[in-house]
Amino acid sequence: MRLFPRNSAIHPKAHHPPYKSSTLRAPSHRPLQLPSTPTEETGPVFGHDILGPLDADLTRNFGATDAVALGPQIIVHGRVQDETGRPVPNALIEIWQANAAGRYRHRNDEYTAPLDPNFGGCGRTITDPGGVYSFRTIKPSPYPWPNGPNSWRPAHIHFSLFGSAFGQRLITQMYFEGDPLIPLCPIVSAISDERAVDQLTAPLDLDATQPMDALAYRFDIVLRGRTQIQFENRRDGL
Protein backbone atom coordinates (compact mmCIF):
# COMPACT_ATOMS: atom_id res chain seq x y z
CA MET A 1 0.00 0.00 0.00
CA ARG A 2 1.28 3.46 -0.88
CA LEU A 3 0.64 6.55 1.24
CA PHE A 4 0.42 9.84 -0.58
CA PRO A 5 1.99 13.04 0.79
CA ARG A 6 -0.13 15.54 2.64
CA ASN A 7 -1.73 18.19 0.45
CA SER A 8 -1.56 21.38 2.51
CA ALA A 9 -3.50 23.34 -0.12
CA ILE A 10 -6.78 21.73 0.94
CA HIS A 11 -6.30 22.41 4.66
CA PRO A 12 -6.92 25.45 6.83
CA LYS A 13 -3.78 27.49 7.36
CA ALA A 14 -1.67 26.30 10.27
CA HIS A 15 -1.30 29.90 11.45
CA HIS A 16 -4.71 31.49 11.95
CA PRO A 17 -4.38 34.47 14.37
CA PRO A 18 -8.03 34.44 15.59
CA TYR A 19 -7.24 30.92 16.87
CA LYS A 20 -4.60 32.08 19.34
CA SER A 21 -3.05 28.70 20.05
CA SER A 22 -2.12 28.38 16.37
CA THR A 23 0.39 31.22 16.82
CA LEU A 24 2.43 28.98 19.09
CA ARG A 25 1.69 25.67 17.38
CA ALA A 26 2.15 26.62 13.74
CA PRO A 27 5.54 25.50 12.33
CA SER A 28 8.00 28.30 11.67
CA HIS A 29 9.83 26.29 8.98
CA ARG A 30 8.67 24.43 5.93
CA PRO A 31 7.60 20.88 6.90
CA LEU A 32 9.87 18.04 5.83
CA GLN A 33 8.42 15.20 3.81
CA LEU A 34 9.77 11.80 4.82
CA PRO A 35 9.06 8.48 3.13
CA SER A 36 6.65 6.17 4.91
CA THR A 37 7.94 2.96 6.46
CA PRO A 38 6.35 -0.50 6.88
CA THR A 39 5.16 0.62 10.32
CA GLU A 40 2.85 3.20 8.73
CA GLU A 41 2.02 1.18 5.64
CA THR A 42 1.00 -2.12 7.22
CA GLY A 43 -1.40 -3.00 10.00
CA PRO A 44 -3.10 -3.01 12.26
CA VAL A 45 -6.02 -4.95 10.81
CA PHE A 46 -9.18 -4.00 12.66
CA GLY A 47 -11.95 -6.53 13.03
CA HIS A 48 -15.24 -6.64 14.83
CA ASP A 49 -13.75 -8.97 17.42
CA ILE A 50 -11.91 -6.02 19.00
CA LEU A 51 -15.18 -4.28 19.84
CA GLY A 52 -17.09 -4.67 23.07
CA PRO A 53 -20.89 -4.97 22.97
CA LEU A 54 -21.38 -1.39 24.21
CA ASP A 55 -18.46 0.34 22.52
CA ALA A 56 -20.76 2.27 20.17
CA ASP A 57 -23.22 3.20 22.94
CA LEU A 58 -21.70 6.07 24.91
CA THR A 59 -24.83 6.32 27.07
CA ARG A 60 -24.05 2.97 28.70
CA ASN A 61 -20.42 2.00 28.04
CA PHE A 62 -18.79 3.73 31.00
CA GLY A 63 -20.95 3.77 34.13
CA ALA A 64 -22.26 1.12 36.43
CA THR A 65 -24.31 -1.76 35.08
CA ASP A 66 -27.76 -0.59 33.98
CA ALA A 67 -26.79 3.07 34.58
CA VAL A 68 -27.46 5.56 31.78
CA ALA A 69 -25.63 8.82 31.10
CA LEU A 70 -27.42 12.10 31.76
CA GLY A 71 -28.62 14.33 28.94
CA PRO A 72 -30.60 14.18 25.71
CA GLN A 73 -29.81 10.95 23.88
CA ILE A 74 -29.01 11.16 20.19
CA ILE A 75 -28.04 8.84 17.35
CA VAL A 76 -25.14 9.90 15.14
CA HIS A 77 -24.93 7.87 11.98
CA GLY A 78 -23.73 8.07 8.42
CA ARG A 79 -21.70 6.51 5.66
CA VAL A 80 -17.98 6.55 4.91
CA GLN A 81 -17.31 6.69 1.17
CA ASP A 82 -14.74 7.69 -1.42
CA GLU A 83 -15.12 10.43 -4.03
CA THR A 84 -17.06 8.16 -6.39
CA GLY A 85 -19.60 7.18 -3.75
CA ARG A 86 -18.18 3.71 -3.15
CA PRO A 87 -18.49 2.59 0.48
CA VAL A 88 -15.43 2.18 2.68
CA PRO A 89 -15.99 -0.95 4.79
CA ASN A 90 -14.05 -2.08 7.88
CA ALA A 91 -12.87 1.42 8.82
CA LEU A 92 -12.42 1.88 12.55
CA ILE A 93 -14.21 5.04 13.76
CA GLU A 94 -13.50 6.42 17.21
CA ILE A 95 -15.30 9.41 18.73
CA TRP A 96 -14.78 11.51 21.83
CA GLN A 97 -16.76 14.43 23.19
CA ALA A 98 -17.82 16.59 26.14
CA ASN A 99 -20.80 15.58 28.24
CA ALA A 100 -24.26 17.16 28.36
CA ALA A 101 -22.86 19.96 30.56
CA GLY A 102 -19.97 20.70 28.19
CA ARG A 103 -17.19 19.06 30.20
CA TYR A 104 -14.66 16.44 29.12
CA ARG A 105 -13.56 13.60 31.35
CA HIS A 106 -9.96 14.81 31.22
CA ARG A 107 -7.68 15.92 34.04
CA ASN A 108 -6.83 19.16 32.21
CA ASP A 109 -10.45 20.24 31.73
CA GLU A 110 -10.96 23.02 34.29
CA TYR A 111 -14.51 23.96 33.31
CA THR A 112 -16.67 24.06 36.45
CA ALA A 113 -19.57 22.16 34.86
CA PRO A 114 -20.24 18.81 36.56
CA LEU A 115 -18.89 15.47 35.44
CA ASP A 116 -21.39 12.68 34.84
CA PRO A 117 -20.23 9.54 36.68
CA ASN A 118 -21.92 7.42 34.01
CA PHE A 119 -20.43 9.11 30.93
CA GLY A 120 -16.89 8.52 29.71
CA GLY A 121 -17.21 10.42 26.45
CA CYS A 122 -15.52 7.86 24.17
CA GLY A 123 -16.77 5.21 21.76
CA ARG A 124 -15.79 3.23 18.69
CA THR A 125 -17.26 1.14 15.91
CA ILE A 126 -16.33 -0.36 12.54
CA THR A 127 -18.10 0.46 9.28
CA ASP A 128 -20.17 -2.36 7.80
CA PRO A 129 -19.85 -3.66 4.20
CA GLY A 130 -21.87 -0.65 3.02
CA GLY A 131 -19.60 1.82 4.82
CA VAL A 132 -22.34 2.56 7.36
CA TYR A 133 -21.72 3.39 11.02
CA SER A 134 -23.88 4.42 13.99
CA PHE A 135 -23.37 5.67 17.55
CA ARG A 136 -25.77 6.31 20.40
CA THR A 137 -24.57 9.10 22.64
CA ILE A 138 -25.51 12.24 24.56
CA LYS A 139 -25.73 15.58 22.78
CA PRO A 140 -22.76 17.58 24.04
CA SER A 141 -23.07 21.19 25.17
CA PRO A 142 -20.96 24.16 24.14
CA TYR A 143 -18.20 25.12 26.56
CA PRO A 144 -15.95 28.12 27.27
CA TRP A 145 -12.30 28.04 26.30
CA PRO A 146 -9.43 30.48 26.92
CA ASN A 147 -9.07 31.83 23.40
CA GLY A 148 -10.50 35.21 24.36
CA PRO A 149 -12.44 36.92 27.16
CA ASN A 150 -15.74 35.34 26.07
CA SER A 151 -14.94 32.46 23.72
CA TRP A 152 -17.19 29.40 23.41
CA ARG A 153 -16.77 26.29 21.33
CA PRO A 154 -19.90 25.12 19.53
CA ALA A 155 -21.20 21.69 20.47
CA HIS A 156 -19.15 19.12 18.58
CA ILE A 157 -17.98 15.53 18.43
CA HIS A 158 -14.42 14.55 17.49
CA PHE A 159 -14.01 11.79 14.89
CA SER A 160 -10.97 9.61 14.21
CA LEU A 161 -10.93 7.22 11.24
CA PHE A 162 -8.45 4.43 10.62
CA GLY A 163 -8.11 2.64 7.29
CA SER A 164 -5.90 -0.43 7.00
CA ALA A 165 -2.75 1.18 8.44
CA PHE A 166 -1.61 3.64 11.10
CA GLY A 167 -0.55 6.14 8.43
CA GLN A 168 -4.15 6.43 7.28
CA ARG A 169 -5.57 7.94 10.43
CA LEU A 170 -7.77 10.97 9.75
CA ILE A 171 -9.24 13.32 12.38
CA THR A 172 -12.09 15.81 12.13
CA GLN A 173 -14.95 17.39 14.09
CA MET A 174 -18.69 17.20 13.58
CA TYR A 175 -20.98 20.13 14.44
CA PHE A 176 -24.75 20.30 14.82
CA GLU A 177 -27.16 21.99 12.45
CA GLY A 178 -28.50 25.30 13.71
CA ASP A 179 -25.82 26.00 16.33
CA PRO A 180 -25.33 29.82 16.39
CA LEU A 181 -21.81 29.41 17.76
CA ILE A 182 -20.47 27.75 14.60
CA PRO A 183 -19.76 30.96 12.63
CA LEU A 184 -18.29 32.58 15.78
CA CYS A 185 -15.72 29.86 16.41
CA PRO A 186 -12.15 30.80 15.35
CA ILE A 187 -11.30 27.13 14.78
CA VAL A 188 -14.17 26.84 12.32
CA SER A 189 -13.33 30.18 10.71
CA ALA A 190 -9.89 28.80 9.84
CA ILE A 191 -11.76 26.91 7.10
CA SER A 192 -12.14 29.44 4.31
CA ASP A 193 -14.62 27.44 2.22
CA GLU A 194 -18.16 27.84 3.54
CA ARG A 195 -19.21 24.64 1.79
CA ALA A 196 -16.57 22.74 3.73
CA VAL A 197 -18.03 24.02 6.98
CA ASP A 198 -21.45 22.83 5.82
CA GLN A 199 -19.99 19.36 5.24
CA LEU A 200 -18.85 19.27 8.89
CA THR A 201 -22.33 20.24 10.12
CA ALA A 202 -24.63 17.28 10.68
CA PRO A 203 -28.30 17.90 9.82
CA LEU A 204 -31.17 16.57 11.87
CA ASP A 205 -32.37 13.29 10.36
CA LEU A 206 -36.00 12.76 11.34
CA ASP A 207 -36.21 9.55 9.32
CA ALA A 208 -33.63 7.94 11.63
CA THR A 209 -35.00 9.45 14.84
CA GLN A 210 -36.40 6.99 17.37
CA PRO A 211 -39.73 8.45 18.57
CA MET A 212 -39.95 9.20 22.29
CA ASP A 213 -36.30 8.16 22.59
CA ALA A 214 -33.51 9.83 20.60
CA LEU A 215 -33.08 12.42 17.87
CA ALA A 216 -30.76 11.46 15.00
CA TYR A 217 -28.10 13.41 13.12
CA ARG A 218 -26.49 12.26 9.87
CA PHE A 219 -22.79 12.78 9.26
CA ASP A 220 -21.50 11.33 6.00
CA ILE A 221 -17.72 11.23 5.54
CA VAL A 222 -16.15 11.59 2.10
CA LEU A 223 -12.46 10.73 2.08
CA ARG A 224 -11.16 12.05 -1.23
CA GLY A 225 -11.92 14.27 -4.20
CA ARG A 226 -13.56 17.67 -4.53
CA THR A 227 -16.37 16.73 -2.14
CA GLN A 228 -14.14 15.40 0.64
CA ILE A 229 -14.71 16.75 4.13
CA GLN A 230 -12.05 18.69 5.99
CA PHE A 231 -9.60 16.75 8.14
CA GLU A 232 -7.30 18.21 10.75
CA ASN A 233 -4.37 15.95 9.82
CA ARG A 234 -5.17 15.06 6.21
CA ARG A 235 -3.07 12.18 4.88
CA ASP A 236 -4.33 10.91 1.54
CA GLY A 237 -4.61 7.21 0.94
CA LEU A 238 -7.46 5.98 3.13
C-alpha atoms as a PDB file:
ATOM      1  CA  MET A   1       0.000   0.000   0.000  1.00  0.00           C
ATOM      2  CA  ARG A   2       1.284   3.456  -0.878  1.00  0.00           C
ATOM      3  CA  LEU A   3       0.641   6.554   1.239  1.00  0.00           C
ATOM      4  CA  PHE A   4       0.424   9.843  -0.580  1.00  0.00           C
ATOM      5  CA  PRO A   5       1.989  13.040   0.791  1.00  0.00           C
ATOM      6  CA  ARG A   6      -0.126  15.541   2.638  1.00  0.00           C
ATOM      7  CA  ASN A   7      -1.729  18.194   0.453  1.00  0.00           C
ATOM      8  CA  SER A   8      -1.560  21.383   2.513  1.00  0.00           C
ATOM      9  CA  ALA A   9      -3.503  23.335  -0.123  1.00  0.00           C
ATOM     10  CA  ILE A  10      -6.782  21.733   0.939  1.00  0.00           C
ATOM     11  CA  HIS A  11      -6.297  22.413   4.658  1.00  0.00           C
ATOM     12  CA  PRO A  12      -6.922  25.449   6.826  1.00  0.00           C
ATOM     13  CA  LYS A  13      -3.777  27.485   7.357  1.00  0.00           C
ATOM     14  CA  ALA A  14      -1.667  26.298  10.269  1.00  0.00           C
ATOM     15  CA  HIS A  15      -1.300  29.898  11.448  1.00  0.00           C
ATOM     16  CA  HIS A  16      -4.710  31.493  11.951  1.00  0.00           C
ATOM     17  CA  PRO A  17      -4.382  34.472  14.368  1.00  0.00           C
ATOM     18  CA  PRO A  18      -8.025  34.435  15.588  1.00  0.00           C
ATOM     19  CA  TYR A  19      -7.243  30.924  16.874  1.00  0.00           C
ATOM     20  CA  LYS A  20      -4.604  32.083  19.336  1.00  0.00           C
ATOM     21  CA  SER A  21      -3.045  28.696  20.046  1.00  0.00           C
ATOM     22  CA  SER A  22      -2.116  28.383  16.371  1.00  0.00           C
ATOM     23  CA  THR A  23       0.390  31.219  16.819  1.00  0.00           C
ATOM     24  CA  LEU A  24       2.432  28.980  19.088  1.00  0.00           C
ATOM     25  CA  ARG A  25       1.687  25.674  17.382  1.00  0.00           C
ATOM     26  CA  ALA A  26       2.152  26.615  13.739  1.00  0.00           C
ATOM     27  CA  PRO A  27       5.538  25.503  12.332  1.00  0.00           C
ATOM     28  CA  SER A  28       8.004  28.298  11.672  1.00  0.00           C
ATOM     29  CA  HIS A  29       9.829  26.287   8.978  1.00  0.00           C
ATOM     30  CA  ARG A  30       8.675  24.427   5.927  1.00  0.00           C
ATOM     31  CA  PRO A  31       7.600  20.880   6.900  1.00  0.00           C
ATOM     32  CA  LEU A  32       9.865  18.039   5.834  1.00  0.00           C
ATOM     33  CA  GLN A  33       8.419  15.200   3.806  1.00  0.00           C
ATOM     34  CA  LEU A  34       9.767  11.802   4.819  1.00  0.00           C
ATOM     35  CA  PRO A  35       9.059   8.477   3.126  1.00  0.00           C
ATOM     36  CA  SER A  36       6.650   6.173   4.906  1.00  0.00           C
ATOM     37  CA  THR A  37       7.938   2.959   6.458  1.00  0.00           C
ATOM     38  CA  PRO A  38       6.351  -0.496   6.876  1.00  0.00           C
ATOM     39  CA  THR A  39       5.161   0.625  10.319  1.00  0.00           C
ATOM     40  CA  GLU A  40       2.853   3.201   8.733  1.00  0.00           C
ATOM     41  CA  GLU A  41       2.017   1.176   5.638  1.00  0.00           C
ATOM     42  CA  THR A  42       0.997  -2.125   7.218  1.00  0.00           C
ATOM     43  CA  GLY A  43      -1.404  -3.002  10.003  1.00  0.00           C
ATOM     44  CA  PRO A  44      -3.096  -3.012  12.256  1.00  0.00           C
ATOM     45  CA  VAL A  45      -6.015  -4.948  10.814  1.00  0.00           C
ATOM     46  CA  PHE A  46      -9.176  -3.998  12.660  1.00  0.00           C
ATOM     47  CA  GLY A  47     -11.949  -6.531  13.028  1.00  0.00           C
ATOM     48  CA  HIS A  48     -15.241  -6.641  14.828  1.00  0.00           C
ATOM     49  CA  ASP A  49     -13.749  -8.974  17.417  1.00  0.00           C
ATOM     50  CA  ILE A  50     -11.912  -6.020  19.000  1.00  0.00           C
ATOM     51  CA  LEU A  51     -15.183  -4.284  19.845  1.00  0.00           C
ATOM     52  CA  GLY A  52     -17.087  -4.668  23.073  1.00  0.00           C
ATOM     53  CA  PRO A  53     -20.888  -4.975  22.970  1.00  0.00           C
ATOM     54  CA  LEU A  54     -21.377  -1.391  24.211  1.00  0.00           C
ATOM     55  CA  ASP A  55     -18.458   0.345  22.516  1.00  0.00           C
ATOM     56  CA  ALA A  56     -20.761   2.266  20.166  1.00  0.00           C
ATOM     57  CA  ASP A  57     -23.219   3.197  22.936  1.00  0.00           C
ATOM     58  CA  LEU A  58     -21.704   6.070  24.908  1.00  0.00           C
ATOM     59  CA  THR A  59     -24.829   6.320  27.069  1.00  0.00           C
ATOM     60  CA  ARG A  60     -24.050   2.965  28.696  1.00  0.00           C
ATOM     61  CA  ASN A  61     -20.416   2.005  28.038  1.00  0.00           C
ATOM     62  CA  PHE A  62     -18.791   3.731  31.003  1.00  0.00           C
ATOM     63  CA  GLY A  63     -20.949   3.766  34.126  1.00  0.00           C
ATOM     64  CA  ALA A  64     -22.261   1.122  36.434  1.00  0.00           C
ATOM     65  CA  THR A  65     -24.311  -1.761  35.076  1.00  0.00           C
ATOM     66  CA  ASP A  66     -27.765  -0.593  33.981  1.00  0.00           C
ATOM     67  CA  ALA A  67     -26.793   3.070  34.580  1.00  0.00           C
ATOM     68  CA  VAL A  68     -27.462   5.559  31.781  1.00  0.00           C
ATOM     69  CA  ALA A  69     -25.632   8.820  31.099  1.00  0.00           C
ATOM     70  CA  LEU A  70     -27.421  12.100  31.758  1.00  0.00           C
ATOM     71  CA  GLY A  71     -28.624  14.334  28.941  1.00  0.00           C
ATOM     72  CA  PRO A  72     -30.605  14.176  25.713  1.00  0.00           C
ATOM     73  CA  GLN A  73     -29.807  10.950  23.879  1.00  0.00           C
ATOM     74  CA  ILE A  74     -29.014  11.165  20.186  1.00  0.00           C
ATOM     75  CA  ILE A  75     -28.041   8.844  17.354  1.00  0.00           C
ATOM     76  CA  VAL A  76     -25.135   9.904  15.144  1.00  0.00           C
ATOM     77  CA  HIS A  77     -24.929   7.870  11.978  1.00  0.00           C
ATOM     78  CA  GLY A  78     -23.726   8.074   8.418  1.00  0.00           C
ATOM     79  CA  ARG A  79     -21.704   6.506   5.658  1.00  0.00           C
ATOM     80  CA  VAL A  80     -17.983   6.553   4.910  1.00  0.00           C
ATOM     81  CA  GLN A  81     -17.311   6.695   1.171  1.00  0.00           C
ATOM     82  CA  ASP A  82     -14.742   7.691  -1.425  1.00  0.00           C
ATOM     83  CA  GLU A  83     -15.124  10.426  -4.031  1.00  0.00           C
ATOM     84  CA  THR A  84     -17.060   8.161  -6.392  1.00  0.00           C
ATOM     85  CA  GLY A  85     -19.604   7.182  -3.755  1.00  0.00           C
ATOM     86  CA  ARG A  86     -18.181   3.712  -3.149  1.00  0.00           C
ATOM     87  CA  PRO A  87     -18.487   2.586   0.478  1.00  0.00           C
ATOM     88  CA  VAL A  88     -15.435   2.179   2.685  1.00  0.00           C
ATOM     89  CA  PRO A  89     -15.989  -0.954   4.792  1.00  0.00           C
ATOM     90  CA  ASN A  90     -14.046  -2.079   7.877  1.00  0.00           C
ATOM     91  CA  ALA A  91     -12.867   1.420   8.816  1.00  0.00           C
ATOM     92  CA  LEU A  92     -12.423   1.878  12.554  1.00  0.00           C
ATOM     93  CA  ILE A  93     -14.215   5.037  13.760  1.00  0.00           C
ATOM     94  CA  GLU A  94     -13.501   6.423  17.207  1.00  0.00           C
ATOM     95  CA  ILE A  95     -15.299   9.408  18.729  1.00  0.00           C
ATOM     96  CA  TRP A  96     -14.780  11.509  21.833  1.00  0.00           C
ATOM     97  CA  GLN A  97     -16.763  14.430  23.194  1.00  0.00           C
ATOM     98  CA  ALA A  98     -17.824  16.587  26.139  1.00  0.00           C
ATOM     99  CA  ASN A  99     -20.801  15.579  28.240  1.00  0.00           C
ATOM    100  CA  ALA A 100     -24.255  17.163  28.363  1.00  0.00           C
ATOM    101  CA  ALA A 101     -22.862  19.962  30.562  1.00  0.00           C
ATOM    102  CA  GLY A 102     -19.973  20.696  28.192  1.00  0.00           C
ATOM    103  CA  ARG A 103     -17.185  19.065  30.203  1.00  0.00           C
ATOM    104  CA  TYR A 104     -14.659  16.437  29.119  1.00  0.00           C
ATOM    105  CA  ARG A 105     -13.558  13.602  31.346  1.00  0.00           C
ATOM    106  CA  HIS A 106      -9.965  14.812  31.224  1.00  0.00           C
ATOM    107  CA  ARG A 107      -7.677  15.923  34.039  1.00  0.00           C
ATOM    108  CA  ASN A 108      -6.827  19.158  32.209  1.00  0.00           C
ATOM    109  CA  ASP A 109     -10.445  20.240  31.729  1.00  0.00           C
ATOM    110  CA  GLU A 110     -10.958  23.020  34.289  1.00  0.00           C
ATOM    111  CA  TYR A 111     -14.512  23.961  33.312  1.00  0.00           C
ATOM    112  CA  THR A 112     -16.673  24.060  36.450  1.00  0.00           C
ATOM    113  CA  ALA A 113     -19.566  22.164  34.856  1.00  0.00           C
ATOM    114  CA  PRO A 114     -20.239  18.813  36.557  1.00  0.00           C
ATOM    115  CA  LEU A 115     -18.890  15.469  35.444  1.00  0.00           C
ATOM    116  CA  ASP A 116     -21.387  12.684  34.840  1.00  0.00           C
ATOM    117  CA  PRO A 117     -20.232   9.541  36.682  1.00  0.00           C
ATOM    118  CA  ASN A 118     -21.919   7.420  34.011  1.00  0.00           C
ATOM    119  CA  PHE A 119     -20.434   9.112  30.934  1.00  0.00           C
ATOM    120  CA  GLY A 120     -16.886   8.520  29.711  1.00  0.00           C
ATOM    121  CA  GLY A 121     -17.209  10.422  26.450  1.00  0.00           C
ATOM    122  CA  CYS A 122     -15.519   7.861  24.167  1.00  0.00           C
ATOM    123  CA  GLY A 123     -16.769   5.210  21.759  1.00  0.00           C
ATOM    124  CA  ARG A 124     -15.788   3.231  18.695  1.00  0.00           C
ATOM    125  CA  THR A 125     -17.261   1.135  15.910  1.00  0.00           C
ATOM    126  CA  ILE A 126     -16.333  -0.358  12.535  1.00  0.00           C
ATOM    127  CA  THR A 127     -18.104   0.457   9.282  1.00  0.00           C
ATOM    128  CA  ASP A 128     -20.166  -2.357   7.798  1.00  0.00           C
ATOM    129  CA  PRO A 129     -19.845  -3.655   4.196  1.00  0.00           C
ATOM    130  CA  GLY A 130     -21.868  -0.655   3.022  1.00  0.00           C
ATOM    131  CA  GLY A 131     -19.601   1.816   4.820  1.00  0.00           C
ATOM    132  CA  VAL A 132     -22.342   2.564   7.362  1.00  0.00           C
ATOM    133  CA  TYR A 133     -21.718   3.390  11.024  1.00  0.00           C
ATOM    134  CA  SER A 134     -23.880   4.417  13.990  1.00  0.00           C
ATOM    135  CA  PHE A 135     -23.369   5.670  17.549  1.00  0.00           C
ATOM    136  CA  ARG A 136     -25.770   6.306  20.396  1.00  0.00           C
ATOM    137  CA  THR A 137     -24.573   9.099  22.636  1.00  0.00           C
ATOM    138  CA  ILE A 138     -25.508  12.238  24.558  1.00  0.00           C
ATOM    139  CA  LYS A 139     -25.725  15.575  22.776  1.00  0.00           C
ATOM    140  CA  PRO A 140     -22.756  17.584  24.037  1.00  0.00           C
ATOM    141  CA  SER A 141     -23.074  21.193  25.171  1.00  0.00           C
ATOM    142  CA  PRO A 142     -20.964  24.157  24.136  1.00  0.00           C
ATOM    143  CA  TYR A 143     -18.195  25.115  26.561  1.00  0.00           C
ATOM    144  CA  PRO A 144     -15.954  28.118  27.266  1.00  0.00           C
ATOM    145  CA  TRP A 145     -12.299  28.036  26.297  1.00  0.00           C
ATOM    146  CA  PRO A 146      -9.430  30.477  26.916  1.00  0.00           C
ATOM    147  CA  ASN A 147      -9.072  31.825  23.396  1.00  0.00           C
ATOM    148  CA  GLY A 148     -10.497  35.211  24.358  1.00  0.00           C
ATOM    149  CA  PRO A 149     -12.438  36.915  27.162  1.00  0.00           C
ATOM    150  CA  ASN A 150     -15.743  35.342  26.074  1.00  0.00           C
ATOM    151  CA  SER A 151     -14.943  32.457  23.720  1.00  0.00           C
ATOM    152  CA  TRP A 152     -17.186  29.395  23.415  1.00  0.00           C
ATOM    153  CA  ARG A 153     -16.767  26.288  21.332  1.00  0.00           C
ATOM    154  CA  PRO A 154     -19.900  25.124  19.529  1.00  0.00           C
ATOM    155  CA  ALA A 155     -21.199  21.687  20.468  1.00  0.00           C
ATOM    156  CA  HIS A 156     -19.147  19.117  18.576  1.00  0.00           C
ATOM    157  CA  ILE A 157     -17.982  15.525  18.426  1.00  0.00           C
ATOM    158  CA  HIS A 158     -14.421  14.552  17.490  1.00  0.00           C
ATOM    159  CA  PHE A 159     -14.015  11.788  14.889  1.00  0.00           C
ATOM    160  CA  SER A 160     -10.975   9.613  14.209  1.00  0.00           C
ATOM    161  CA  LEU A 161     -10.934   7.216  11.242  1.00  0.00           C
ATOM    162  CA  PHE A 162      -8.453   4.429  10.616  1.00  0.00           C
ATOM    163  CA  GLY A 163      -8.107   2.644   7.291  1.00  0.00           C
ATOM    164  CA  SER A 164      -5.896  -0.429   6.998  1.00  0.00           C
ATOM    165  CA  ALA A 165      -2.753   1.175   8.437  1.00  0.00           C
ATOM    166  CA  PHE A 166      -1.610   3.644  11.098  1.00  0.00           C
ATOM    167  CA  GLY A 167      -0.548   6.136   8.433  1.00  0.00           C
ATOM    168  CA  GLN A 168      -4.154   6.426   7.277  1.00  0.00           C
ATOM    169  CA  ARG A 169      -5.574   7.940  10.434  1.00  0.00           C
ATOM    170  CA  LEU A 170      -7.771  10.968   9.753  1.00  0.00           C
ATOM    171  CA  ILE A 171      -9.238  13.324  12.376  1.00  0.00           C
ATOM    172  CA  THR A 172     -12.085  15.812  12.131  1.00  0.00           C
ATOM    173  CA  GLN A 173     -14.945  17.386  14.094  1.00  0.00           C
ATOM    174  CA  MET A 174     -18.691  17.203  13.585  1.00  0.00           C
ATOM    175  CA  TYR A 175     -20.978  20.127  14.438  1.00  0.00           C
ATOM    176  CA  PHE A 176     -24.755  20.298  14.822  1.00  0.00           C
ATOM    177  CA  GLU A 177     -27.159  21.988  12.453  1.00  0.00           C
ATOM    178  CA  GLY A 178     -28.499  25.301  13.710  1.00  0.00           C
ATOM    179  CA  ASP A 179     -25.819  25.999  16.330  1.00  0.00           C
ATOM    180  CA  PRO A 180     -25.332  29.817  16.388  1.00  0.00           C
ATOM    181  CA  LEU A 181     -21.806  29.410  17.762  1.00  0.00           C
ATOM    182  CA  ILE A 182     -20.474  27.747  14.600  1.00  0.00           C
ATOM    183  CA  PRO A 183     -19.761  30.959  12.634  1.00  0.00           C
ATOM    184  CA  LEU A 184     -18.295  32.582  15.776  1.00  0.00           C
ATOM    185  CA  CYS A 185     -15.717  29.858  16.411  1.00  0.00           C
ATOM    186  CA  PRO A 186     -12.151  30.797  15.346  1.00  0.00           C
ATOM    187  CA  ILE A 187     -11.295  27.128  14.784  1.00  0.00           C
ATOM    188  CA  VAL A 188     -14.171  26.839  12.323  1.00  0.00           C
ATOM    189  CA  SER A 189     -13.326  30.178  10.712  1.00  0.00           C
ATOM    190  CA  ALA A 190      -9.885  28.803   9.838  1.00  0.00           C
ATOM    191  CA  ILE A 191     -11.762  26.910   7.104  1.00  0.00           C
ATOM    192  CA  SER A 192     -12.137  29.438   4.309  1.00  0.00           C
ATOM    193  CA  ASP A 193     -14.615  27.435   2.224  1.00  0.00           C
ATOM    194  CA  GLU A 194     -18.161  27.836   3.540  1.00  0.00           C
ATOM    195  CA  ARG A 195     -19.214  24.644   1.787  1.00  0.00           C
ATOM    196  CA  ALA A 196     -16.568  22.737   3.725  1.00  0.00           C
ATOM    197  CA  VAL A 197     -18.031  24.022   6.981  1.00  0.00           C
ATOM    198  CA  ASP A 198     -21.449  22.826   5.824  1.00  0.00           C
ATOM    199  CA  GLN A 199     -19.988  19.361   5.244  1.00  0.00           C
ATOM    200  CA  LEU A 200     -18.849  19.266   8.885  1.00  0.00           C
ATOM    201  CA  THR A 201     -22.327  20.236  10.116  1.00  0.00           C
ATOM    202  CA  ALA A 202     -24.633  17.282  10.680  1.00  0.00           C
ATOM    203  CA  PRO A 203     -28.299  17.903   9.820  1.00  0.00           C
ATOM    204  CA  LEU A 204     -31.167  16.572  11.867  1.00  0.00           C
ATOM    205  CA  ASP A 205     -32.372  13.285  10.356  1.00  0.00           C
ATOM    206  CA  LEU A 206     -35.998  12.759  11.345  1.00  0.00           C
ATOM    207  CA  ASP A 207     -36.213   9.546   9.324  1.00  0.00           C
ATOM    208  CA  ALA A 208     -33.627   7.936  11.632  1.00  0.00           C
ATOM    209  CA  THR A 209     -35.002   9.450  14.837  1.00  0.00           C
ATOM    210  CA  GLN A 210     -36.396   6.993  17.371  1.00  0.00           C
ATOM    211  CA  PRO A 211     -39.732   8.447  18.567  1.00  0.00           C
ATOM    212  CA  MET A 212     -39.949   9.201  22.294  1.00  0.00           C
ATOM    213  CA  ASP A 213     -36.303   8.161  22.592  1.00  0.00           C
ATOM    214  CA  ALA A 214     -33.507   9.831  20.595  1.00  0.00           C
ATOM    215  CA  LEU A 215     -33.081  12.420  17.866  1.00  0.00           C
ATOM    216  CA  ALA A 216     -30.761  11.463  14.998  1.00  0.00           C
ATOM    217  CA  TYR A 217     -28.102  13.408  13.118  1.00  0.00           C
ATOM    218  CA  ARG A 218     -26.495  12.263   9.874  1.00  0.00           C
ATOM    219  CA  PHE A 219     -22.792  12.785   9.255  1.00  0.00           C
ATOM    220  CA  ASP A 220     -21.496  11.333   5.998  1.00  0.00           C
ATOM    221  CA  ILE A 221     -17.719  11.226   5.540  1.00  0.00           C
ATOM    222  CA  VAL A 222     -16.151  11.591   2.100  1.00  0.00           C
ATOM    223  CA  LEU A 223     -12.462  10.727   2.077  1.00  0.00           C
ATOM    224  CA  ARG A 224     -11.161  12.045  -1.232  1.00  0.00           C
ATOM    225  CA  GLY A 225     -11.922  14.271  -4.198  1.00  0.00           C
ATOM    226  CA  ARG A 226     -13.558  17.668  -4.533  1.00  0.00           C
ATOM    227  CA  THR A 227     -16.367  16.732  -2.142  1.00  0.00           C
ATOM    228  CA  GLN A 228     -14.138  15.399   0.644  1.00  0.00           C
ATOM    229  CA  ILE A 229     -14.710  16.746   4.134  1.00  0.00           C
ATOM    230  CA  GLN A 230     -12.045  18.694   5.993  1.00  0.00           C
ATOM    231  CA  PHE A 231      -9.604  16.746   8.138  1.00  0.00           C
ATOM    232  CA  GLU A 232      -7.295  18.207  10.752  1.00  0.00           C
ATOM    233  CA  ASN A 233      -4.374  15.952   9.820  1.00  0.00           C
ATOM    234  CA  ARG A 234      -5.167  15.059   6.211  1.00  0.00           C
ATOM    235  CA  ARG A 235      -3.068  12.179   4.877  1.00  0.00           C
ATOM    236  CA  ASP A 236      -4.329  10.908   1.536  1.00  0.00           C
ATOM    237  CA  GLY A 237      -4.612   7.208   0.944  1.00  0.00           C
ATOM    238  CA  LEU A 238      -7.464   5.981   3.126  1.00  0.00           C
END
